[in-house]
Protein backbone atom coordinates (compact mmCIF):
# COMPACT_ATOMS: atom_id res chain seq x y z
CA MET A 1 -0.41 0.42 0.05
CA ALA A 2 2.53 2.50 0.76
CA THR A 3 4.41 1.66 -2.90
CA ILE A 4 1.81 2.57 -4.03
CA LEU A 5 0.94 5.72 -2.82
CA TYR A 6 4.30 6.77 -3.20
CA PHE A 7 4.08 5.80 -6.86
CA ASN A 8 0.99 7.92 -6.65
CA TYR A 9 2.62 10.87 -5.28
CA SER A 10 5.78 10.87 -7.78
CA PHE A 11 3.41 10.62 -10.84
CA PHE A 12 1.59 13.50 -9.36
CA CYS A 13 4.62 15.75 -8.80
CA TYR A 14 5.40 14.83 -11.88
CA LEU A 15 2.52 16.12 -13.66
CA PHE A 16 2.90 18.87 -11.01
CA GLU A 17 5.89 19.38 -12.65
CA GLU A 18 5.43 19.62 -16.65
CA ASP A 19 2.63 21.18 -15.88
CA GLU A 20 4.23 23.88 -13.60
CA LYS A 21 7.29 24.27 -17.01
CA LYS A 22 4.49 24.52 -19.77
CA TYR A 23 2.98 27.28 -17.46
CA GLU A 24 5.80 29.17 -16.98
CA LYS A 25 6.29 29.44 -21.09
CA ASP A 26 3.06 30.16 -21.61
CA GLU A 27 3.30 33.15 -19.30
CA LYS A 28 6.60 34.44 -21.02
CA LYS A 29 4.75 34.06 -24.50
CA TYR A 30 1.41 35.87 -22.60
CA GLU A 31 3.68 38.82 -21.17
CA GLU A 32 5.04 39.13 -24.72
CA GLU A 33 2.07 39.43 -26.30
CA GLU A 34 0.67 41.24 -23.89
CA LYS A 35 4.26 43.97 -24.26
CA GLN A 36 3.79 44.38 -27.77
CA TYR A 37 0.03 44.91 -27.10
CA ILE A 38 0.55 47.93 -24.86
CA ASN A 39 3.77 49.06 -27.60
CA LYS A 40 1.00 48.85 -30.34
CA ILE A 41 -1.40 51.01 -28.31
CA VAL A 42 0.71 53.63 -27.45
CA LYS A 43 2.38 54.06 -30.26
CA GLN A 44 -1.30 54.54 -32.00
CA LYS A 45 -1.94 56.89 -28.96
CA LYS A 46 1.25 58.82 -29.55
CA SER A 47 0.40 59.03 -33.58
CA PHE A 48 -3.04 60.34 -32.56
CA LEU A 49 -1.86 63.39 -29.80
CA VAL A 50 1.06 63.89 -32.89
CA LYS A 51 -1.92 64.51 -34.94
CA TYR A 52 -4.06 66.37 -32.92
CA VAL A 53 -0.90 69.03 -32.00
CA HIS A 54 -0.40 69.52 -36.01
CA ASN A 55 -4.04 70.35 -36.47
CA TRP A 56 -5.04 71.63 -33.50
CA HIS A 57 -6.17 74.67 -35.38
CA GLU A 58 -8.68 72.58 -37.61
CA ILE A 59 -10.35 70.32 -34.65
CA GLU A 60 -10.50 72.64 -31.98
CA PRO A 61 -13.15 75.19 -33.52
CA ARG A 62 -14.90 71.25 -34.62
CA LEU A 63 -14.59 70.38 -30.94
CA ILE A 64 -16.38 74.26 -29.60
CA LEU A 65 -18.81 73.63 -31.62
CA ASN A 66 -19.69 70.05 -30.80
CA GLU A 67 -19.53 71.08 -26.85
CA THR A 68 -22.24 73.46 -27.31
């Protein structure tokens, strides 16, 4: 009985370690994807701000008209 329990315990430890390795790989992959997504959003916001500042004389009157 003790042998069976030990085998089950060691087998589950092995499964847990394999699962943990897979999770670490997936976690790194998701972190990279998240960084890329954040960089993409930041670039979009920067380009929007640059366009906004560049065309402020065209955009601002429209915004004022839309608010009233």
